[in-house]
Amino acid sequence: MSLGEQLRQARQKAQLSLRDLSARAGISIAKLSKVENGLATLRHPELLTLAEALAVPATALLAPPTPVPGAGARRTLTRADGGRKFEHSHRTYEMLCSELSGQSNLFWRVTVRDKPPGGEDAFVSHPGEEFVYVLKGKVALHTDAYEPLVLAAGDSVLFDAQTRHAYFAVSREAVLLMSNTVGEEGARVQNEAANAGLRPKRKR
């Protein structure tokens, strides 16, 4: 099932029109319609925002759930270069191990290409926490809250992803292992709402 089909199915299950979802997620009706019809894709932060608006794990928009064979027996595998890819600014996100139903964590292999800071389109913010481990090269993490932080291979950082942030390669290219989580309470609320077929109230 494609991303667009998954999005349409989740929206209809939540009993939301395109206009309703647009108002909740802050994404235009035209963009949502194009995604549902396979004419556009989503950026990484848009995916997380839509998942929050629909009260589903972000993985629910990416692939059909893997049947659960029994307690403690769940597993998912992504082969090398086999994950779904998303482009945003000068970064490529490859989603890893996304097929289990009800995941509260998202895992990515992120390639950051050389580009000097300054473009506002490079900055994002989204619900939850973000963890990054540098696999290769050097990267600078820019946020609204702190001075730029240079991370080299083997370094890691965890921060509140609602803070506007961006990554810029210090070396010619950097490769990161990234994990996003909505947190224990956020996951509980999302999963309970999804299981009950309810629409969560968004904070104003």
Protein backbone atom coordinates (compact mmCIF):
# COMPACT_ATOMS: atom_id res chain seq x y z
CA MET A 1 0.00 0.00 0.00
CA SER A 2 1.42 3.39 -1.00
CA LEU A 3 1.99 6.37 1.29
CA GLY A 4 -0.99 8.16 -0.28
CA GLU A 5 -3.30 5.19 0.24
CA GLN A 6 -2.14 4.84 3.84
CA LEU A 7 -2.77 8.54 4.47
CA ARG A 8 -6.25 8.44 2.93
CA GLN A 9 -7.15 5.33 4.93
CA ALA A 10 -5.95 6.88 8.21
CA ARG A 11 -7.78 10.15 7.47
CA GLN A 12 -11.04 8.38 6.67
CA LYS A 13 -10.75 6.18 9.75
CA ALA A 14 -10.38 9.35 11.84
CA GLN A 15 -13.48 10.76 10.06
CA LEU A 16 -11.60 13.84 8.89
CA SER A 17 -12.05 15.71 5.63
CA LEU A 18 -9.02 17.06 3.80
CA ARG A 19 -9.98 20.49 5.12
CA ASP A 20 -10.12 19.18 8.72
CA LEU A 21 -6.73 17.50 8.43
CA SER A 22 -5.22 20.57 6.79
CA ALA A 23 -6.37 22.74 9.71
CA ARG A 24 -4.97 20.31 12.28
CA ALA A 25 -1.62 19.69 10.62
CA GLY A 26 -0.94 23.07 9.03
CA ILE A 27 -0.41 21.48 5.61
CA SER A 28 -2.34 22.80 2.63
CA ILE A 29 -5.35 20.93 1.24
CA ALA A 30 -3.68 20.91 -2.18
CA LYS A 31 -0.54 19.24 -0.78
CA LEU A 32 -2.55 16.61 1.11
CA SER A 33 -4.62 15.84 -1.98
CA LYS A 34 -1.48 15.42 -4.09
CA VAL A 35 0.06 13.07 -1.52
CA GLU A 36 -3.09 10.94 -1.36
CA ASN A 37 -3.13 10.70 -5.16
CA GLY A 38 0.54 9.80 -5.44
CA LEU A 39 1.55 13.13 -7.00
CA ALA A 40 3.67 14.38 -4.08
CA THR A 41 5.49 13.03 -1.06
CA LEU A 42 5.98 14.24 2.50
CA ARG A 43 8.97 15.80 4.18
CA HIS A 44 10.20 14.21 7.39
CA PRO A 45 8.63 16.83 9.75
CA GLU A 46 5.35 16.78 7.79
CA LEU A 47 5.12 13.02 8.31
CA LEU A 48 5.49 13.40 12.08
CA THR A 49 3.00 16.29 12.23
CA LEU A 50 0.39 14.35 10.23
CA ALA A 51 0.80 11.31 12.46
CA GLU A 52 0.16 13.48 15.52
CA ALA A 53 -2.90 15.07 13.88
CA LEU A 54 -4.31 11.63 13.03
CA ALA A 55 -3.40 10.10 16.43
CA VAL A 56 -1.48 7.24 14.83
CA PRO A 57 2.18 6.20 14.95
CA ALA A 58 4.06 7.66 11.98
CA THR A 59 4.86 4.12 10.85
CA ALA A 60 1.13 3.61 10.23
CA LEU A 61 1.45 5.99 7.26
CA LEU A 62 4.40 4.16 5.75
CA ALA A 63 3.66 0.45 5.57
CA PRO A 64 0.96 -2.10 6.46
CA PRO A 65 1.40 -3.53 9.98
CA THR A 66 3.31 -6.81 10.23
CA PRO A 67 1.07 -9.58 11.66
CA VAL A 68 1.99 -10.23 15.29
CA PRO A 69 2.82 -13.96 15.73
CA GLY A 70 2.91 -13.85 19.52
CA ALA A 71 4.05 -11.92 22.57
CA GLY A 72 7.75 -11.10 22.46
CA ALA A 73 8.13 -12.44 18.90
CA ARG A 74 7.88 -9.21 16.91
CA ARG A 75 10.67 -8.35 14.50
CA THR A 76 11.23 -6.19 11.47
CA LEU A 77 14.20 -5.94 9.10
CA THR A 78 15.45 -3.36 6.62
CA ARG A 79 18.15 -4.51 4.21
CA ALA A 80 20.94 -2.16 3.11
CA ASP A 81 19.48 0.72 1.07
CA GLY A 82 16.02 -0.86 1.37
CA GLY A 83 14.16 1.79 3.38
CA ARG A 84 11.70 4.34 2.03
CA LYS A 85 13.47 7.64 1.36
CA PHE A 86 12.39 11.24 1.96
CA GLU A 87 14.18 14.37 0.77
CA HIS A 88 14.25 17.59 2.77
CA SER A 89 16.47 20.53 1.89
CA HIS A 90 20.02 19.12 1.71
CA ARG A 91 19.23 15.92 3.63
CA THR A 92 18.05 12.44 2.61
CA TYR A 93 16.14 10.40 5.20
CA GLU A 94 15.94 6.61 4.81
CA MET A 95 13.37 5.04 7.12
CA LEU A 96 14.54 1.89 8.92
CA CYS A 97 12.53 -0.98 10.43
CA SER A 98 9.12 0.69 10.13
CA GLU A 99 6.76 -2.26 9.61
CA LEU A 100 5.69 -3.08 13.17
CA SER A 101 2.30 -1.80 14.23
CA GLY A 102 2.11 0.63 17.16
CA GLN A 103 5.73 1.77 17.11
CA SER A 104 6.39 4.89 19.16
CA ASN A 105 9.93 5.26 17.80
CA LEU A 106 11.07 6.04 14.27
CA PHE A 107 14.54 5.15 13.03
CA TRP A 108 16.35 6.82 10.14
CA ARG A 109 19.64 6.75 8.27
CA VAL A 110 20.21 10.39 7.37
CA THR A 111 22.68 11.63 4.78
CA VAL A 112 23.58 15.32 5.19
CA ARG A 113 25.18 16.93 2.15
CA ASP A 114 27.57 19.86 2.23
CA LYS A 115 25.70 23.17 2.28
CA PRO A 116 26.40 26.33 4.29
CA PRO A 117 23.83 27.38 6.93
CA GLY A 118 21.41 30.20 6.29
CA GLY A 119 18.40 28.74 4.49
CA GLU A 120 15.24 28.79 6.62
CA ASP A 121 13.92 25.76 4.73
CA ALA A 122 16.66 23.69 6.39
CA PHE A 123 15.15 24.18 9.87
CA VAL A 124 12.38 21.92 11.18
CA SER A 125 10.50 21.26 14.40
CA HIS A 126 8.15 18.41 15.27
CA PRO A 127 6.68 16.60 18.28
CA GLY A 128 8.79 14.37 20.52
CA GLU A 129 12.49 13.87 21.13
CA GLU A 130 15.29 13.35 18.63
CA PHE A 131 18.41 11.21 19.12
CA VAL A 132 21.33 11.29 16.69
CA TYR A 133 24.48 9.17 16.49
CA VAL A 134 27.07 10.18 13.89
CA LEU A 135 28.17 7.21 11.78
CA LYS A 136 30.43 9.03 9.34
CA GLY A 137 31.87 12.52 8.83
CA LYS A 138 31.18 15.65 10.87
CA VAL A 139 27.90 17.54 11.24
CA ALA A 140 26.89 20.82 12.90
CA LEU A 141 23.60 20.84 14.81
CA HIS A 142 21.98 24.32 14.83
CA THR A 143 19.04 25.02 17.18
CA ASP A 144 17.16 28.04 18.47
CA ALA A 145 18.13 27.17 22.04
CA TYR A 146 21.90 26.57 21.89
CA GLU A 147 25.05 27.58 20.08
CA PRO A 148 25.89 25.36 17.07
CA LEU A 149 27.25 21.97 18.14
CA VAL A 150 29.78 20.10 15.99
CA LEU A 151 29.46 16.31 16.18
CA ALA A 152 32.04 13.86 14.81
CA ALA A 153 31.80 10.12 14.11
CA GLY A 154 30.96 8.35 17.38
CA ASP A 155 29.30 11.41 18.99
CA SER A 156 25.62 11.40 19.95
CA VAL A 157 23.02 13.92 21.14
CA LEU A 158 19.41 13.86 22.42
CA PHE A 159 17.15 16.93 22.46
CA ASP A 160 13.55 18.19 22.42
CA ALA A 161 12.57 18.14 18.74
CA GLN A 162 9.99 20.91 19.22
CA THR A 163 13.00 23.24 19.23
CA ARG A 164 13.69 24.42 15.66
CA HIS A 165 16.77 22.58 14.46
CA ALA A 166 18.86 21.83 11.39
CA TYR A 167 21.93 19.78 10.49
CA PHE A 168 24.73 20.95 8.22
CA ALA A 169 27.66 18.83 7.07
CA VAL A 170 31.05 20.09 8.23
CA SER A 171 32.79 17.43 6.17
CA ARG A 172 31.76 16.95 2.54
CA GLU A 173 29.06 14.52 3.65
CA ALA A 174 27.88 13.15 6.99
CA VAL A 175 25.80 10.06 7.77
CA LEU A 176 23.66 9.89 10.91
CA LEU A 177 21.61 7.27 12.71
CA MET A 178 18.51 9.12 13.95
CA SER A 179 15.65 8.10 16.21
CA ASN A 180 12.47 10.11 16.84
CA THR A 181 10.11 9.33 19.70
CA VAL A 182 6.91 10.97 20.93
CA GLY A 183 7.77 9.94 24.49
CA GLU A 184 6.01 7.47 26.77
CA GLU A 185 2.99 9.68 27.49
CA GLY A 186 2.66 10.77 23.88
CA ALA A 187 2.82 7.18 22.68
CA ARG A 188 0.18 6.12 25.23
CA VAL A 189 -2.23 8.88 24.19
CA GLN A 190 -1.67 8.24 20.47
CA ASN A 191 -2.11 4.49 20.76
CA GLU A 192 -5.19 4.69 23.01
CA ALA A 193 -6.83 7.20 20.66
CA ALA A 194 -5.98 5.11 17.61
CA ASN A 195 -7.24 1.88 19.19
CA ALA A 196 -10.49 3.54 20.28
CA GLY A 197 -10.95 5.26 16.93
CA LEU A 198 -11.02 8.65 18.67
CA ARG A 199 -9.73 12.00 17.47
CA PRO A 200 -7.39 13.61 20.03
CA LYS A 201 -7.87 17.19 21.13
CA ARG A 202 -4.95 19.29 19.98
CA LYS A 203 -3.54 21.94 22.30
CA ARG A 204 -4.23 25.51 21.25
